[in-house]
PDB file of all heavy atoms in Angstrom:
ATOM      1  N   ALA A   1       3.530   2.528   6.474  1.00  0.00           N
ATOM      2  CA  ALA A   1       2.830   2.119   5.257  1.00  0.00           C
ATOM      3  C   ALA A   1       1.367   2.518   5.338  1.00  0.00           C
ATOM      4  O   ALA A   1       0.466   1.682   5.385  1.00  0.00           O
ATOM      5  CB  ALA A   1       2.975   0.621   5.042  1.00  0.00           C
ATOM      6  N   THR A   2       1.115   3.847   5.368  1.00  0.00           N
ATOM      7  CA  THR A   2      -0.253   4.333   5.467  1.00  0.00           C
ATOM      8  C   THR A   2      -0.560   5.333   4.367  1.00  0.00           C
ATOM      9  O   THR A   2       0.326   6.034   3.862  1.00  0.00           O
ATOM     10  CB  THR A   2      -0.509   5.017   6.826  1.00  0.00           C
ATOM     11  OG1 THR A   2       0.381   6.142   6.967  1.00  0.00           O
ATOM     12  CG2 THR A   2      -0.305   4.049   7.977  1.00  0.00           C
ATOM     13  N   CYS A   3      -1.842   5.384   4.000  1.00  0.00           N
ATOM     14  CA  CYS A   3      -2.361   6.357   3.037  1.00  0.00           C
ATOM     15  C   CYS A   3      -3.559   7.033   3.692  1.00  0.00           C
ATOM     16  O   CYS A   3      -4.551   6.366   4.015  1.00  0.00           O
ATOM     17  CB  CYS A   3      -2.776   5.651   1.744  1.00  0.00           C
ATOM     18  SG  CYS A   3      -3.454   6.746   0.467  1.00  0.00           S
ATOM     19  N   ASN A   4      -3.456   8.334   3.913  1.00  0.00           N
ATOM     20  CA  ASN A   4      -4.480   9.075   4.659  1.00  0.00           C
ATOM     21  C   ASN A   4      -4.779   8.423   6.004  1.00  0.00           C
ATOM     22  O   ASN A   4      -5.921   8.326   6.452  1.00  0.00           O
ATOM     23  CB  ASN A   4      -5.762   9.222   3.842  1.00  0.00           C
ATOM     24  CG  ASN A   4      -5.622  10.239   2.722  1.00  0.00           C
ATOM     25  OD1 ASN A   4      -4.749  11.108   2.766  1.00  0.00           O
ATOM     26  ND2 ASN A   4      -6.453  10.129   1.703  1.00  0.00           N
ATOM     27  N   GLY A   5      -3.733   7.953   6.646  1.00  0.00           N
ATOM     28  CA  GLY A   5      -3.850   7.386   7.981  1.00  0.00           C
ATOM     29  C   GLY A   5      -4.339   5.957   8.038  1.00  0.00           C
ATOM     30  O   GLY A   5      -4.412   5.374   9.125  1.00  0.00           O
ATOM     31  N   GLU A   6      -4.650   5.360   6.882  1.00  0.00           N
ATOM     32  CA  GLU A   6      -5.126   3.982   6.846  1.00  0.00           C
ATOM     33  C   GLU A   6      -4.056   3.085   6.236  1.00  0.00           C
ATOM     34  O   GLU A   6      -3.360   3.480   5.294  1.00  0.00           O
ATOM     35  CB  GLU A   6      -6.420   3.873   6.038  1.00  0.00           C
ATOM     36  CG  GLU A   6      -7.560   4.697   6.628  1.00  0.00           C
ATOM     37  CD  GLU A   6      -8.848   4.538   5.851  1.00  0.00           C
ATOM     38  OE1 GLU A   6      -8.847   3.812   4.827  1.00  0.00           O
ATOM     39  OE2 GLU A   6      -9.860   5.131   6.250  1.00  0.00           O
ATOM     40  N   SER A   7      -3.939   1.881   6.749  1.00  0.00           N
ATOM     41  CA  SER A   7      -2.907   0.958   6.284  1.00  0.00           C
ATOM     42  C   SER A   7      -3.119   0.591   4.817  1.00  0.00           C
ATOM     43  O   SER A   7      -4.250   0.395   4.356  1.00  0.00           O
ATOM     44  CB  SER A   7      -2.928  -0.314   7.135  1.00  0.00           C
ATOM     45  OG  SER A   7      -1.973  -1.245   6.642  1.00  0.00           O
ATOM     46  N   VAL A   8      -2.013   0.512   4.084  1.00  0.00           N
ATOM     47  CA  VAL A   8      -2.091  -0.037   2.730  1.00  0.00           C
ATOM     48  C   VAL A   8      -2.337  -1.539   2.832  1.00  0.00           C
ATOM     49  O   VAL A   8      -2.301  -2.112   3.924  1.00  0.00           O
ATOM     50  CB  VAL A   8      -0.806   0.256   1.933  1.00  0.00           C
ATOM     51  CG1 VAL A   8      -0.572   1.758   1.832  1.00  0.00           C
ATOM     52  CG2 VAL A   8       0.409  -0.422   2.552  1.00  0.00           C
ATOM     53  N   LEU A   9      -2.573  -2.176   1.675  1.00  0.00           N
ATOM     54  CA  LEU A   9      -2.955  -3.584   1.690  1.00  0.00           C
ATOM     55  C   LEU A   9      -1.783  -4.500   1.360  1.00  0.00           C
ATOM     56  O   LEU A   9      -0.828  -4.104   0.681  1.00  0.00           O
ATOM     57  CB  LEU A   9      -4.085  -3.832   0.697  1.00  0.00           C
ATOM     58  CG  LEU A   9      -5.391  -3.072   0.948  1.00  0.00           C
ATOM     59  CD1 LEU A   9      -6.450  -3.491  -0.062  1.00  0.00           C
ATOM     60  CD2 LEU A   9      -5.893  -3.277   2.371  1.00  0.00           C
ATOM     61  N   ALA A  10      -1.895  -5.734   1.826  1.00  0.00           N
ATOM     62  CA  ALA A  10      -0.883  -6.753   1.554  1.00  0.00           C
ATOM     63  C   ALA A  10      -0.893  -7.190   0.103  1.00  0.00           C
ATOM     64  O   ALA A  10      -0.032  -7.962  -0.324  1.00  0.00           O
ATOM     65  CB  ALA A  10      -1.095  -7.960   2.470  1.00  0.00           C
ATOM     66  N   ALA A  11      -1.854  -6.699  -0.677  1.00  0.00           N
ATOM     67  CA  ALA A  11      -1.914  -7.010  -2.106  1.00  0.00           C
ATOM     68  C   ALA A  11      -1.076  -6.047  -2.938  1.00  0.00           C
ATOM     69  O   ALA A  11      -1.029  -6.156  -4.165  1.00  0.00           O
ATOM     70  CB  ALA A  11      -3.365  -6.975  -2.587  1.00  0.00           C
ATOM     71  N   GLY A  12      -0.416  -5.082  -2.283  1.00  0.00           N
ATOM     72  CA  GLY A  12       0.419  -4.140  -3.020  1.00  0.00           C
ATOM     73  C   GLY A  12      -0.337  -2.965  -3.579  1.00  0.00           C
ATOM     74  O   GLY A  12       0.082  -2.359  -4.569  1.00  0.00           O
ATOM     75  N   THR A  13      -1.476  -2.601  -2.944  1.00  0.00           N
ATOM     76  CA  THR A  13      -2.263  -1.443  -3.363  1.00  0.00           C
ATOM     77  C   THR A  13      -2.388  -0.469  -2.197  1.00  0.00           C
ATOM     78  O   THR A  13      -2.019  -0.767  -1.067  1.00  0.00           O
ATOM     79  CB  THR A  13      -3.665  -1.861  -3.828  1.00  0.00           C
ATOM     80  OG1 THR A  13      -4.383  -2.396  -2.705  1.00  0.00           O
ATOM     81  CG2 THR A  13      -3.577  -2.905  -4.930  1.00  0.00           C
ATOM     82  N   PHE A  14      -2.958   0.733  -2.470  1.00  0.00           N
ATOM     83  CA  PHE A  14      -3.125   1.736  -1.435  1.00  0.00           C
ATOM     84  C   PHE A  14      -4.232   1.391  -0.448  1.00  0.00           C
ATOM     85  O   PHE A  14      -4.299   1.968   0.637  1.00  0.00           O
ATOM     86  CB  PHE A  14      -3.432   3.102  -2.064  1.00  0.00           C
ATOM     87  CG  PHE A  14      -2.222   3.793  -2.608  1.00  0.00           C
ATOM     88  CD1 PHE A  14      -2.114   4.068  -3.950  1.00  0.00           C
ATOM     89  CD2 PHE A  14      -1.180   4.185  -1.782  1.00  0.00           C
ATOM     90  CE1 PHE A  14      -1.010   4.727  -4.470  1.00  0.00           C
ATOM     91  CE2 PHE A  14      -0.062   4.837  -2.281  1.00  0.00           C
ATOM     92  CZ  PHE A  14       0.022   5.112  -3.624  1.00  0.00           C
ATOM     93  N   GLY A  15      -5.109   0.462  -0.825  1.00  0.00           N
ATOM     94  CA  GLY A  15      -6.229   0.160   0.049  1.00  0.00           C
ATOM     95  C   GLY A  15      -7.266   1.263   0.010  1.00  0.00           C
ATOM     96  O   GLY A  15      -7.370   2.009  -0.968  1.00  0.00           O
ATOM     97  N   LEU A  16      -8.046   1.416   1.088  1.00  0.00           N
ATOM     98  CA  LEU A  16      -9.148   2.384   1.114  1.00  0.00           C
ATOM     99  C   LEU A  16      -8.650   3.826   1.078  1.00  0.00           C
ATOM    100  O   LEU A  16      -9.254   4.686   0.438  1.00  0.00           O
ATOM    101  CB  LEU A  16     -10.002   2.156   2.360  1.00  0.00           C
ATOM    102  CG  LEU A  16     -10.733   0.808   2.416  1.00  0.00           C
ATOM    103  CD1 LEU A  16     -11.498   0.674   3.724  1.00  0.00           C
ATOM    104  CD2 LEU A  16     -11.670   0.656   1.227  1.00  0.00           C
ATOM    105  N   CYS A  17      -7.605   4.133   1.818  1.00  0.00           N
ATOM    106  CA  CYS A  17      -7.018   5.478   1.816  1.00  0.00           C
ATOM    107  C   CYS A  17      -8.073   6.544   2.102  1.00  0.00           C
ATOM    108  O   CYS A  17      -8.081   7.605   1.478  1.00  0.00           O
ATOM    109  CB  CYS A  17      -6.317   5.746   0.475  1.00  0.00           C
ATOM    110  SG  CYS A  17      -5.229   7.189   0.469  1.00  0.00           S
ATOM    111  N   ASP A  18      -8.983   6.230   3.005  1.00  0.00           N
ATOM    112  CA  ASP A  18     -10.043   7.160   3.390  1.00  0.00           C
ATOM    113  C   ASP A  18     -10.842   7.652   2.187  1.00  0.00           C
ATOM    114  O   ASP A  18     -11.272   8.801   2.126  1.00  0.00           O
ATOM    115  CB  ASP A  18      -9.437   8.360   4.135  1.00  0.00           C
ATOM    116  CG  ASP A  18     -10.503   9.187   4.868  1.00  0.00           C
ATOM    117  OD1 ASP A  18     -11.532   8.601   5.275  1.00  0.00           O
ATOM    118  OD2 ASP A  18     -10.303  10.407   5.017  1.00  0.00           O
ATOM    119  N   GLY A  19     -11.008   6.750   1.187  1.00  0.00           N
ATOM    120  CA  GLY A  19     -11.796   7.086   0.013  1.00  0.00           C
ATOM    121  C   GLY A  19     -11.090   7.929  -1.014  1.00  0.00           C
ATOM    122  O   GLY A  19     -11.704   8.363  -1.997  1.00  0.00           O
ATOM    123  N   LYS A  20      -9.772   8.165  -0.856  1.00  0.00           N
ATOM    124  CA  LYS A  20      -9.049   9.032  -1.786  1.00  0.00           C
ATOM    125  C   LYS A  20      -7.759   8.375  -2.259  1.00  0.00           C
ATOM    126  O   LYS A  20      -6.716   9.014  -2.333  1.00  0.00           O
ATOM    127  CB  LYS A  20      -8.739  10.372  -1.124  1.00  0.00           C
ATOM    128  CG  LYS A  20      -9.980  11.160  -0.732  1.00  0.00           C
ATOM    129  CD  LYS A  20      -9.591  12.455  -0.078  1.00  0.00           C
ATOM    130  CE  LYS A  20     -10.867  13.230   0.301  1.00  0.00           C
ATOM    131  NZ  LYS A  20     -10.930  13.553   1.699  1.00  0.00           N
ATOM    132  N   ALA A  21      -7.814   7.104  -2.569  1.00  0.00           N
ATOM    133  CA  ALA A  21      -6.619   6.405  -3.032  1.00  0.00           C
ATOM    134  C   ALA A  21      -6.190   6.921  -4.401  1.00  0.00           C
ATOM    135  O   ALA A  21      -7.021   7.064  -5.304  1.00  0.00           O
ATOM    136  CB  ALA A  21      -6.888   4.902  -3.115  1.00  0.00           C
ATOM    137  N   PRO A  22      -4.901   7.225  -4.595  1.00  0.00           N
ATOM    138  CA  PRO A  22      -4.418   7.625  -5.920  1.00  0.00           C
ATOM    139  C   PRO A  22      -4.584   6.488  -6.933  1.00  0.00           C
ATOM    140  O   PRO A  22      -4.573   5.309  -6.575  1.00  0.00           O
ATOM    141  CB  PRO A  22      -2.930   7.914  -5.681  1.00  0.00           C
ATOM    142  CG  PRO A  22      -2.811   8.153  -4.211  1.00  0.00           C
ATOM    143  CD  PRO A  22      -3.841   7.274  -3.580  1.00  0.00           C
ATOM    144  N   THR A  23      -4.730   6.855  -8.205  1.00  0.00           N
ATOM    145  CA  THR A  23      -4.673   5.873  -9.287  1.00  0.00           C
ATOM    146  C   THR A  23      -3.217   5.465  -9.462  1.00  0.00           C
ATOM    147  O   THR A  23      -2.348   6.334  -9.643  1.00  0.00           O
ATOM    148  CB  THR A  23      -5.213   6.474 -10.590  1.00  0.00           C
ATOM    149  OG1 THR A  23      -6.581   6.821 -10.399  1.00  0.00           O
ATOM    150  CG2 THR A  23      -5.097   5.479 -11.739  1.00  0.00           C
ATOM    151  N   LEU A  24      -2.963   4.176  -9.397  1.00  0.00           N
ATOM    152  CA  LEU A  24      -1.580   3.695  -9.387  1.00  0.00           C
ATOM    153  C   LEU A  24      -1.327   2.746 -10.544  1.00  0.00           C
ATOM    154  O   LEU A  24      -1.977   1.709 -10.662  1.00  0.00           O
ATOM    155  CB  LEU A  24      -1.286   2.982  -8.064  1.00  0.00           C
ATOM    156  CG  LEU A  24       0.095   2.351  -7.918  1.00  0.00           C
ATOM    157  CD1 LEU A  24       1.186   3.414  -7.973  1.00  0.00           C
ATOM    158  CD2 LEU A  24       0.188   1.557  -6.624  1.00  0.00           C
ATOM    159  N   ASN A  25      -0.386   3.110 -11.410  1.00  0.00           N
ATOM    160  CA  ASN A  25       0.097   2.221 -12.459  1.00  0.00           C
ATOM    161  C   ASN A  25       1.414   1.622 -11.981  1.00  0.00           C
ATOM    162  O   ASN A  25       2.498   1.994 -12.429  1.00  0.00           O
ATOM    163  CB  ASN A  25       0.263   2.991 -13.771  1.00  0.00           C
ATOM    164  CG  ASN A  25      -1.057   3.484 -14.317  1.00  0.00           C
ATOM    165  OD1 ASN A  25      -1.989   2.708 -14.487  1.00  0.00           O
ATOM    166  ND2 ASN A  25      -1.160   4.786 -14.567  1.00  0.00           N
ATOM    167  N   GLY A  26       1.288   0.712 -11.042  1.00  0.00           N
ATOM    168  CA  GLY A  26       2.439   0.104 -10.386  1.00  0.00           C
ATOM    169  C   GLY A  26       1.978  -0.621  -9.143  1.00  0.00           C
ATOM    170  O   GLY A  26       0.800  -0.980  -9.023  1.00  0.00           O
ATOM    171  N   VAL A  27       2.870  -0.837  -8.197  1.00  0.00           N
ATOM    172  CA  VAL A  27       2.542  -1.506  -6.942  1.00  0.00           C
ATOM    173  C   VAL A  27       3.070  -0.689  -5.781  1.00  0.00           C
ATOM    174  O   VAL A  27       3.944   0.171  -5.954  1.00  0.00           O
ATOM    175  CB  VAL A  27       3.126  -2.939  -6.870  1.00  0.00           C
ATOM    176  CG1 VAL A  27       2.564  -3.814  -7.980  1.00  0.00           C
ATOM    177  CG2 VAL A  27       4.655  -2.898  -6.924  1.00  0.00           C
ATOM    178  N   VAL A  28       2.519  -0.953  -4.595  1.00  0.00           N
ATOM    179  CA  VAL A  28       3.004  -0.326  -3.365  1.00  0.00           C
ATOM    180  C   VAL A  28       3.840  -1.343  -2.609  1.00  0.00           C
ATOM    181  O   VAL A  28       3.326  -2.347  -2.105  1.00  0.00           O
ATOM    182  CB  VAL A  28       1.840   0.155  -2.482  1.00  0.00           C
ATOM    183  CG1 VAL A  28       2.386   0.755  -1.193  1.00  0.00           C
ATOM    184  CG2 VAL A  28       0.974   1.173  -3.223  1.00  0.00           C
ATOM    185  N   ALA A  29       5.141  -1.114  -2.552  1.00  0.00           N
ATOM    186  CA  ALA A  29       6.023  -1.970  -1.758  1.00  0.00           C
ATOM    187  C   ALA A  29       6.034  -1.443  -0.327  1.00  0.00           C
ATOM    188  O   ALA A  29       6.151  -0.229  -0.108  1.00  0.00           O
ATOM    189  CB  ALA A  29       7.431  -1.979  -2.335  1.00  0.00           C
ATOM    190  N   SER A  30       5.908  -2.329   0.622  1.00  0.00           N
ATOM    191  CA  SER A  30       5.827  -1.935   2.027  1.00  0.00           C
ATOM    192  C   SER A  30       6.210  -3.129   2.886  1.00  0.00           C
ATOM    193  O   SER A  30       6.456  -4.228   2.366  1.00  0.00           O
ATOM    194  CB  SER A  30       4.403  -1.487   2.359  1.00  0.00           C
ATOM    195  OG  SER A  30       3.537  -2.619   2.435  1.00  0.00           O
ATOM    196  N   PRO A  31       6.231  -2.963   4.227  1.00  0.00           N
ATOM    197  CA  PRO A  31       6.463  -4.127   5.089  1.00  0.00           C
ATOM    198  C   PRO A  31       5.382  -5.194   4.961  1.00  0.00           C
ATOM    199  O   PRO A  31       5.549  -6.311   5.461  1.00  0.00           O
ATOM    200  CB  PRO A  31       6.474  -3.515   6.494  1.00  0.00           C
ATOM    201  CG  PRO A  31       6.973  -2.116   6.268  1.00  0.00           C
ATOM    202  CD  PRO A  31       6.333  -1.696   4.980  1.00  0.00           C
ATOM    203  N   LEU A  32       4.274  -4.862   4.247  1.00  0.00           N
ATOM    204  CA  LEU A  32       3.188  -5.825   4.030  1.00  0.00           C
ATOM    205  C   LEU A  32       3.267  -6.517   2.673  1.00  0.00           C
ATOM    206  O   LEU A  32       2.617  -7.539   2.468  1.00  0.00           O
ATOM    207  CB  LEU A  32       1.832  -5.115   4.148  1.00  0.00           C
ATOM    208  CG  LEU A  32       1.535  -4.436   5.492  1.00  0.00           C
ATOM    209  CD1 LEU A  32       0.252  -3.631   5.399  1.00  0.00           C
ATOM    210  CD2 LEU A  32       1.448  -5.474   6.593  1.00  0.00           C
ATOM    211  N   PHE A  33       4.016  -5.944   1.730  1.00  0.00           N
ATOM    212  CA  PHE A  33       4.062  -6.474   0.356  1.00  0.00           C
ATOM    213  C   PHE A  33       5.416  -6.146  -0.260  1.00  0.00           C
ATOM    214  O   PHE A  33       5.926  -5.033  -0.093  1.00  0.00           O
ATOM    215  CB  PHE A  33       2.946  -5.850  -0.487  1.00  0.00           C
ATOM    216  CG  PHE A  33       2.969  -6.279  -1.938  1.00  0.00           C
ATOM    217  CD1 PHE A  33       2.326  -7.446  -2.335  1.00  0.00           C
ATOM    218  CD2 PHE A  33       3.641  -5.528  -2.895  1.00  0.00           C
ATOM    219  CE1 PHE A  33       2.351  -7.838  -3.666  1.00  0.00           C
ATOM    220  CE2 PHE A  33       3.671  -5.919  -4.217  1.00  0.00           C
ATOM    221  CZ  PHE A  33       3.015  -7.082  -4.604  1.00  0.00           C
ATOM    222  N   PRO A  34       6.043  -7.063  -1.008  1.00  0.00           N
ATOM    223  CA  PRO A  34       5.564  -8.420  -1.302  1.00  0.00           C
ATOM    224  C   PRO A  34       6.150  -9.492  -0.390  1.00  0.00           C
ATOM    225  O   PRO A  34       5.752 -10.638  -0.481  1.00  0.00           O
ATOM    226  CB  PRO A  34       6.063  -8.631  -2.735  1.00  0.00           C
ATOM    227  CG  PRO A  34       7.373  -7.887  -2.748  1.00  0.00           C
ATOM    228  CD  PRO A  34       7.172  -6.672  -1.871  1.00  0.00           C
ATOM    229  N   ASP A  35       7.104  -9.094   0.490  1.00  0.00           N
ATOM    230  CA  ASP A  35       7.870 -10.114   1.214  1.00  0.00           C
ATOM    231  C   ASP A  35       8.280  -9.633   2.601  1.00  0.00           C
ATOM    232  O   ASP A  35       9.456  -9.680   2.963  1.00  0.00           O
ATOM    233  CB  ASP A  35       9.102 -10.522   0.400  1.00  0.00           C
ATOM    234  CG  ASP A  35       9.837  -9.320  -0.172  1.00  0.00           C
ATOM    235  OD1 ASP A  35       9.643  -8.196   0.348  1.00  0.00           O
ATOM    236  OD2 ASP A  35      10.594  -9.486  -1.137  1.00  0.00           O
ATOM    237  N   ALA A  36       7.292  -9.137   3.346  1.00  0.00           N
ATOM    238  CA  ALA A  36       7.504  -8.747   4.743  1.00  0.00           C
ATOM    239  C   ALA A  36       8.634  -7.739   4.926  1.00  0.00           C
ATOM    240  O   ALA A  36       9.402  -7.803   5.869  1.00  0.00           O
ATOM    241  CB  ALA A  36       7.756  -9.988   5.603  1.00  0.00           C
ATOM    242  N   GLY A  37       8.732  -6.788   4.001  1.00  0.00           N
ATOM    243  CA  GLY A  37       9.680  -5.702   4.154  1.00  0.00           C
ATOM    244  C   GLY A  37      11.046  -5.911   3.546  1.00  0.00           C
ATOM    245  O   GLY A  37      11.869  -4.989   3.576  1.00  0.00           O
ATOM    246  N   VAL A  38      11.312  -7.078   2.982  1.00  0.00           N
ATOM    247  CA  VAL A  38      12.621  -7.311   2.377  1.00  0.00           C
ATOM    248  C   VAL A  38      12.814  -6.380   1.180  1.00  0.00           C
ATOM    249  O   VAL A  38      13.818  -5.657   1.074  1.00  0.00           O
ATOM    250  CB  VAL A  38      12.780  -8.783   1.952  1.00  0.00           C
ATOM    251  CG1 VAL A  38      14.100  -8.962   1.195  1.00  0.00           C
ATOM    252  CG2 VAL A  38      12.726  -9.700   3.169  1.00  0.00           C
ATOM    253  N   THR A  39      11.830  -6.358   0.270  1.00  0.00           N
ATOM    254  CA  THR A  39      11.934  -5.509  -0.917  1.00  0.00           C
ATOM    255  C   THR A  39      11.857  -4.038  -0.551  1.00  0.00           C
ATOM    256  O   THR A  39      12.684  -3.228  -0.994  1.00  0.00           O
ATOM    257  CB  THR A  39      10.832  -5.859  -1.922  1.00  0.00           C
ATOM    258  OG1 THR A  39      11.056  -7.179  -2.431  1.00  0.00           O
ATOM    259  CG2 THR A  39      10.819  -4.876  -3.088  1.00  0.00           C
ATOM    260  N   SER A  40      10.864  -3.658   0.255  1.00  0.00           N
ATOM    261  CA  SER A  40      10.714  -2.238   0.589  1.00  0.00           C
ATOM    262  C   SER A  40      11.937  -1.719   1.343  1.00  0.00           C
ATOM    263  O   SER A  40      12.378  -0.588   1.124  1.00  0.00           O
ATOM    264  CB  SER A  40       9.441  -2.012   1.408  1.00  0.00           C
ATOM    265  OG  SER A  40       9.477  -2.717   2.636  1.00  0.00           O
TER     266      SER A  40
END
């Protein structure tokens, strides 16, 4: 669950992404969001 080598956030976003986070009309499902990997 990384974007440009940096971890995405537990809020369901890309996080910092080394300053190049994509514009997202949606959420990022990962082992961090929304339910410790159940959904992802």
